[in-house]
Amino acid sequence: MNSKKMLTKEISYMVKGQISEQIISETVDEFFKHGNMFLFMELISLKCEVKSLREELQQHKENKKQNTLHALLVR
């Protein structure tokens, strides 16, 4: 069995149906074609996602503080 198929099979086992076999296969192919550049682009994508989640969490905290203050003032 070649490396691509082994990696695809192992990733499929690890994610257990959360990601389609086709997407996994395409991602593994891209990784083997572009190597370090692929990893770099994935890292940038993940950093953007983390930044977005942090902003969302911060907004949630601010909303919670406002709701708590409002509840105290309304009493």
C-alpha atoms as a PDB file:
ATOM      1  CA  MET A   1       0.000   0.000   0.000  1.00  0.00           C
ATOM      2  CA  ASN A   2       1.446   3.389  -0.916  1.00  0.00           C
ATOM      3  CA  SER A   3       1.954   6.256   1.525  1.00  0.00           C
ATOM      4  CA  LYS A   4      -1.003   8.312   0.288  1.00  0.00           C
ATOM      5  CA  LYS A   5      -3.449   5.455   0.726  1.00  0.00           C
ATOM      6  CA  MET A   6      -2.062   4.595   4.156  1.00  0.00           C
ATOM      7  CA  LEU A   7      -2.309   8.199   5.340  1.00  0.00           C
ATOM      8  CA  THR A   8      -5.816   8.576   3.904  1.00  0.00           C
ATOM      9  CA  LYS A   9      -6.952   5.379   5.612  1.00  0.00           C
ATOM     10  CA  GLU A  10      -5.429   6.370   8.953  1.00  0.00           C
ATOM     11  CA  ILE A  11      -6.955   9.862   8.880  1.00  0.00           C
ATOM     12  CA  SER A  12     -10.340   8.390   7.924  1.00  0.00           C
ATOM     13  CA  TYR A  13     -10.119   6.071  10.912  1.00  0.00           C
ATOM     14  CA  MET A  14      -9.187   8.944  13.224  1.00  0.00           C
ATOM     15  CA  VAL A  15     -12.042  11.263  12.192  1.00  0.00           C
ATOM     16  CA  LYS A  16     -14.593   8.416  12.016  1.00  0.00           C
ATOM     17  CA  GLY A  17     -17.015   9.856   9.466  1.00  0.00           C
ATOM     18  CA  GLN A  18     -16.774  13.509  10.487  1.00  0.00           C
ATOM     19  CA  ILE A  19     -15.041  14.324   7.192  1.00  0.00           C
ATOM     20  CA  SER A  20     -15.829  12.599   3.901  1.00  0.00           C
ATOM     21  CA  GLU A  21     -13.380  10.120   2.404  1.00  0.00           C
ATOM     22  CA  GLN A  22     -13.186  12.269  -0.737  1.00  0.00           C
ATOM     23  CA  ILE A  23     -12.159  15.415   1.156  1.00  0.00           C
ATOM     24  CA  ILE A  24      -9.558  13.468   3.105  1.00  0.00           C
ATOM     25  CA  SER A  25      -8.168  11.973  -0.091  1.00  0.00           C
ATOM     26  CA  GLU A  26      -8.008  15.371  -1.825  1.00  0.00           C
ATOM     27  CA  THR A  27      -6.301  16.934   1.185  1.00  0.00           C
ATOM     28  CA  VAL A  28      -3.716  14.146   1.367  1.00  0.00           C
ATOM     29  CA  ASP A  29      -3.059  14.531  -2.391  1.00  0.00           C
ATOM     30  CA  GLU A  30      -2.511  18.284  -1.948  1.00  0.00           C
ATOM     31  CA  PHE A  31      -0.174  17.609   0.934  1.00  0.00           C
ATOM     32  CA  PHE A  32       1.917  15.217  -1.129  1.00  0.00           C
ATOM     33  CA  LYS A  33       1.988  17.609  -4.104  1.00  0.00           C
ATOM     34  CA  HIS A  34       2.878  20.792  -2.251  1.00  0.00           C
ATOM     35  CA  GLY A  35       4.331  19.648   1.084  1.00  0.00           C
ATOM     36  CA  ASN A  36       5.589  22.596   3.122  1.00  0.00           C
ATOM     37  CA  MET A  37       3.519  25.180   1.240  1.00  0.00           C
ATOM     38  CA  PHE A  38       0.388  23.152   1.962  1.00  0.00           C
ATOM     39  CA  LEU A  39       1.232  23.065   5.670  1.00  0.00           C
ATOM     40  CA  PHE A  40       1.960  26.797   5.654  1.00  0.00           C
ATOM     41  CA  MET A  41      -1.414  27.572   4.073  1.00  0.00           C
ATOM     42  CA  GLU A  42      -3.197  25.291   6.548  1.00  0.00           C
ATOM     43  CA  LEU A  43      -1.432  27.067   9.406  1.00  0.00           C
ATOM     44  CA  ILE A  44      -2.559  30.457   8.112  1.00  0.00           C
ATOM     45  CA  SER A  45      -6.107  29.137   7.780  1.00  0.00           C
ATOM     46  CA  LEU A  46      -6.058  27.814  11.343  1.00  0.00           C
ATOM     47  CA  LYS A  47      -4.670  31.103  12.678  1.00  0.00           C
ATOM     48  CA  CYS A  48      -7.531  32.964  11.003  1.00  0.00           C
ATOM     49  CA  GLU A  49     -10.031  30.540  12.488  1.00  0.00           C
ATOM     50  CA  VAL A  50      -8.531  30.923  15.977  1.00  0.00           C
ATOM     51  CA  LYS A  51      -8.615  34.721  15.646  1.00  0.00           C
ATOM     52  CA  SER A  52     -12.266  34.578  14.634  1.00  0.00           C
ATOM     53  CA  LEU A  53     -13.125  32.305  17.558  1.00  0.00           C
ATOM     54  CA  ARG A  54     -11.289  34.590  19.983  1.00  0.00           C
ATOM     55  CA  GLU A  55     -13.232  37.599  18.699  1.00  0.00           C
ATOM     56  CA  GLU A  56     -16.473  35.652  19.012  1.00  0.00           C
ATOM     57  CA  LEU A  57     -15.597  34.642  22.578  1.00  0.00           C
ATOM     58  CA  GLN A  58     -14.689  38.226  23.488  1.00  0.00           C
ATOM     59  CA  GLN A  59     -17.993  39.462  22.059  1.00  0.00           C
ATOM     60  CA  HIS A  60     -19.835  36.804  24.046  1.00  0.00           C
ATOM     61  CA  LYS A  61     -18.066  37.887  27.254  1.00  0.00           C
ATOM     62  CA  GLU A  62     -18.923  41.540  26.604  1.00  0.00           C
ATOM     63  CA  ASN A  63     -22.572  40.673  25.953  1.00  0.00           C
ATOM     64  CA  LYS A  64     -22.677  38.604  29.144  1.00  0.00           C
ATOM     65  CA  LYS A  65     -21.251  41.523  31.163  1.00  0.00           C
ATOM     66  CA  GLN A  66     -23.808  43.907  29.652  1.00  0.00           C
ATOM     67  CA  ASN A  67     -26.670  41.509  30.395  1.00  0.00           C
ATOM     68  CA  THR A  68     -25.466  41.055  33.985  1.00  0.00           C
ATOM     69  CA  LEU A  69     -25.207  44.815  34.500  1.00  0.00           C
ATOM     70  CA  HIS A  70     -28.626  45.320  32.967  1.00  0.00           C
ATOM     71  CA  ALA A  71     -30.104  42.658  35.263  1.00  0.00           C
ATOM     72  CA  LEU A  72     -28.582  44.388  38.310  1.00  0.00           C
ATOM     73  CA  LEU A  73     -29.936  47.787  37.276  1.00  0.00           C
ATOM     74  CA  VAL A  74     -33.429  46.495  36.504  1.00  0.00           C
ATOM     75  CA  ARG A  75     -33.902  44.898  39.929  1.00  0.00           C
END
